[in-house]
């Protein structure tokens, strides 16, 4: 069974879409907050389970949690930049591009590629 992609005859007017700077910010903020909560919870659960499994003292567990916070914060910052970049591209009726896994890539640019 073959399906056809239905496209409108005329593209929608830019003002008729629900994209606004506030909407883009809220969508990007929601994704960023979700990434922070999920990654943070996964890191804490992993460190806690490993420290209990290996019998590490509590001060070592807390030290590992502090060390584990750095990758969580890096991934959260990258997610924030990527989400804002994607929302801006969608607001301009562009396709989503391939992600670049460098922290400063999405923060040092003023125009879209």
Protein backbone atom coordinates (compact mmCIF):
# COMPACT_ATOMS: atom_id res chain seq x y z
CA UNK A 1 0.00 0.00 0.00
CA UNK A 2 1.51 3.25 -1.11
CA UNK A 3 0.88 6.49 0.75
CA UNK A 4 1.19 9.95 -0.70
CA UNK A 5 2.48 12.90 1.23
CA UNK A 6 -0.13 15.63 1.27
CA UNK A 7 1.33 19.10 0.96
CA UNK A 8 -0.64 22.35 0.98
CA UNK A 9 -0.87 24.29 -2.27
CA UNK A 10 0.43 27.45 -0.64
CA UNK A 11 2.77 27.47 2.35
CA UNK A 12 1.19 29.02 5.44
CA UNK A 13 1.85 32.68 6.15
CA UNK A 14 4.58 33.24 8.77
CA UNK A 15 2.19 35.06 11.10
CA UNK A 16 -0.37 32.26 10.99
CA UNK A 17 1.84 29.76 12.78
CA UNK A 18 1.95 29.37 16.55
CA UNK A 19 5.68 30.13 16.66
CA UNK A 20 6.71 33.13 18.68
CA UNK A 21 9.83 33.92 20.68
CA UNK A 22 7.92 33.09 23.86
CA UNK A 23 6.67 29.79 22.41
CA UNK A 24 10.16 28.86 21.24
CA UNK A 25 11.57 29.71 24.66
CA UNK A 26 8.94 27.67 26.50
CA UNK A 27 9.48 24.63 24.28
CA UNK A 28 13.27 24.83 24.61
CA UNK A 29 13.03 25.43 28.37
CA UNK A 30 10.75 22.42 28.79
CA UNK A 31 13.13 20.12 26.95
CA UNK A 32 16.08 21.49 28.92
CA UNK A 33 14.34 21.00 32.26
CA UNK A 34 13.34 17.47 31.26
CA UNK A 35 16.94 16.66 30.29
CA UNK A 36 18.27 18.05 33.57
CA UNK A 37 15.80 16.08 35.69
CA UNK A 38 16.16 12.79 33.84
CA UNK A 39 19.94 12.88 33.49
CA UNK A 40 20.39 14.04 37.08
CA UNK A 41 18.13 11.32 38.44
CA UNK A 42 19.90 8.67 36.36
CA UNK A 43 23.31 9.84 37.55
CA UNK A 44 22.27 9.92 41.23
CA UNK A 45 20.66 6.48 41.02
CA UNK A 46 23.69 5.00 39.28
CA UNK A 47 26.18 6.48 41.76
CA UNK A 48 24.07 5.47 44.75
CA UNK A 49 23.60 1.91 43.49
CA UNK A 50 27.29 1.49 42.65
CA UNK A 51 28.40 2.87 46.00
CA UNK A 52 26.07 0.55 47.89
CA UNK A 53 27.09 -2.41 45.74
CA UNK A 54 30.80 -1.85 46.32
CA UNK A 55 30.38 -0.70 49.94
CA UNK A 56 31.85 2.76 49.48
CA UNK A 57 31.58 5.19 52.40
CA UNK A 58 29.10 8.05 52.14
CA UNK A 59 31.71 10.77 51.61
CA UNK A 60 32.97 8.93 48.50
CA UNK A 61 29.40 8.58 47.23
CA UNK A 62 28.89 12.34 47.58
CA UNK A 63 32.20 13.00 45.87
CA UNK A 64 31.18 10.79 42.95
CA UNK A 65 27.88 12.64 42.75
CA UNK A 66 29.74 15.94 42.50
CA UNK A 67 31.93 14.50 39.73
CA UNK A 68 28.86 13.07 38.00
CA UNK A 69 27.20 16.49 38.01
CA UNK A 70 29.67 17.80 35.41
CA UNK A 71 28.55 15.54 32.52
CA UNK A 72 24.92 16.13 33.51
CA UNK A 73 25.39 19.91 33.35
CA UNK A 74 27.30 19.64 30.05
CA UNK A 75 24.51 17.57 28.49
CA UNK A 76 21.87 19.93 29.85
CA UNK A 77 23.62 23.00 28.44
CA UNK A 78 24.04 21.30 25.07
CA UNK A 79 20.37 20.30 25.09
CA UNK A 80 19.36 23.90 25.81
CA UNK A 81 21.37 25.21 22.86
CA UNK A 82 20.17 22.49 20.53
CA UNK A 83 16.52 22.91 21.54
CA UNK A 84 16.65 26.67 21.00
CA UNK A 85 18.36 26.16 17.63
CA UNK A 86 15.74 23.63 16.50
CA UNK A 87 12.84 25.81 17.63
CA UNK A 88 14.22 28.78 15.70
CA UNK A 89 14.65 26.64 12.59
CA UNK A 90 11.10 25.35 12.85
CA UNK A 91 9.78 28.90 13.31
CA UNK A 92 11.47 29.86 10.04
CA UNK A 93 9.95 26.83 8.26
CA UNK A 94 13.31 25.08 7.86
CA UNK A 95 14.10 21.42 8.35
CA UNK A 96 15.87 20.14 11.44
CA UNK A 97 19.56 19.69 10.75
CA UNK A 98 22.04 17.11 11.98
CA UNK A 99 23.15 17.71 15.58
CA UNK A 100 26.70 18.81 16.33
CA UNK A 101 27.99 17.50 19.65
CA UNK A 102 30.15 20.46 20.71
CA UNK A 103 29.02 22.59 23.63
CA UNK A 104 29.72 26.03 22.17
CA UNK A 105 28.44 25.32 18.66
CA UNK A 106 24.89 26.52 19.28
CA UNK A 107 25.84 29.46 21.49
CA UNK A 108 28.40 31.21 19.25
CA UNK A 109 26.19 31.68 16.21
CA UNK A 110 23.90 34.56 15.32
CA UNK A 111 22.35 33.21 12.12
CA UNK A 112 20.98 29.85 11.12
CA UNK A 113 22.83 27.56 8.78
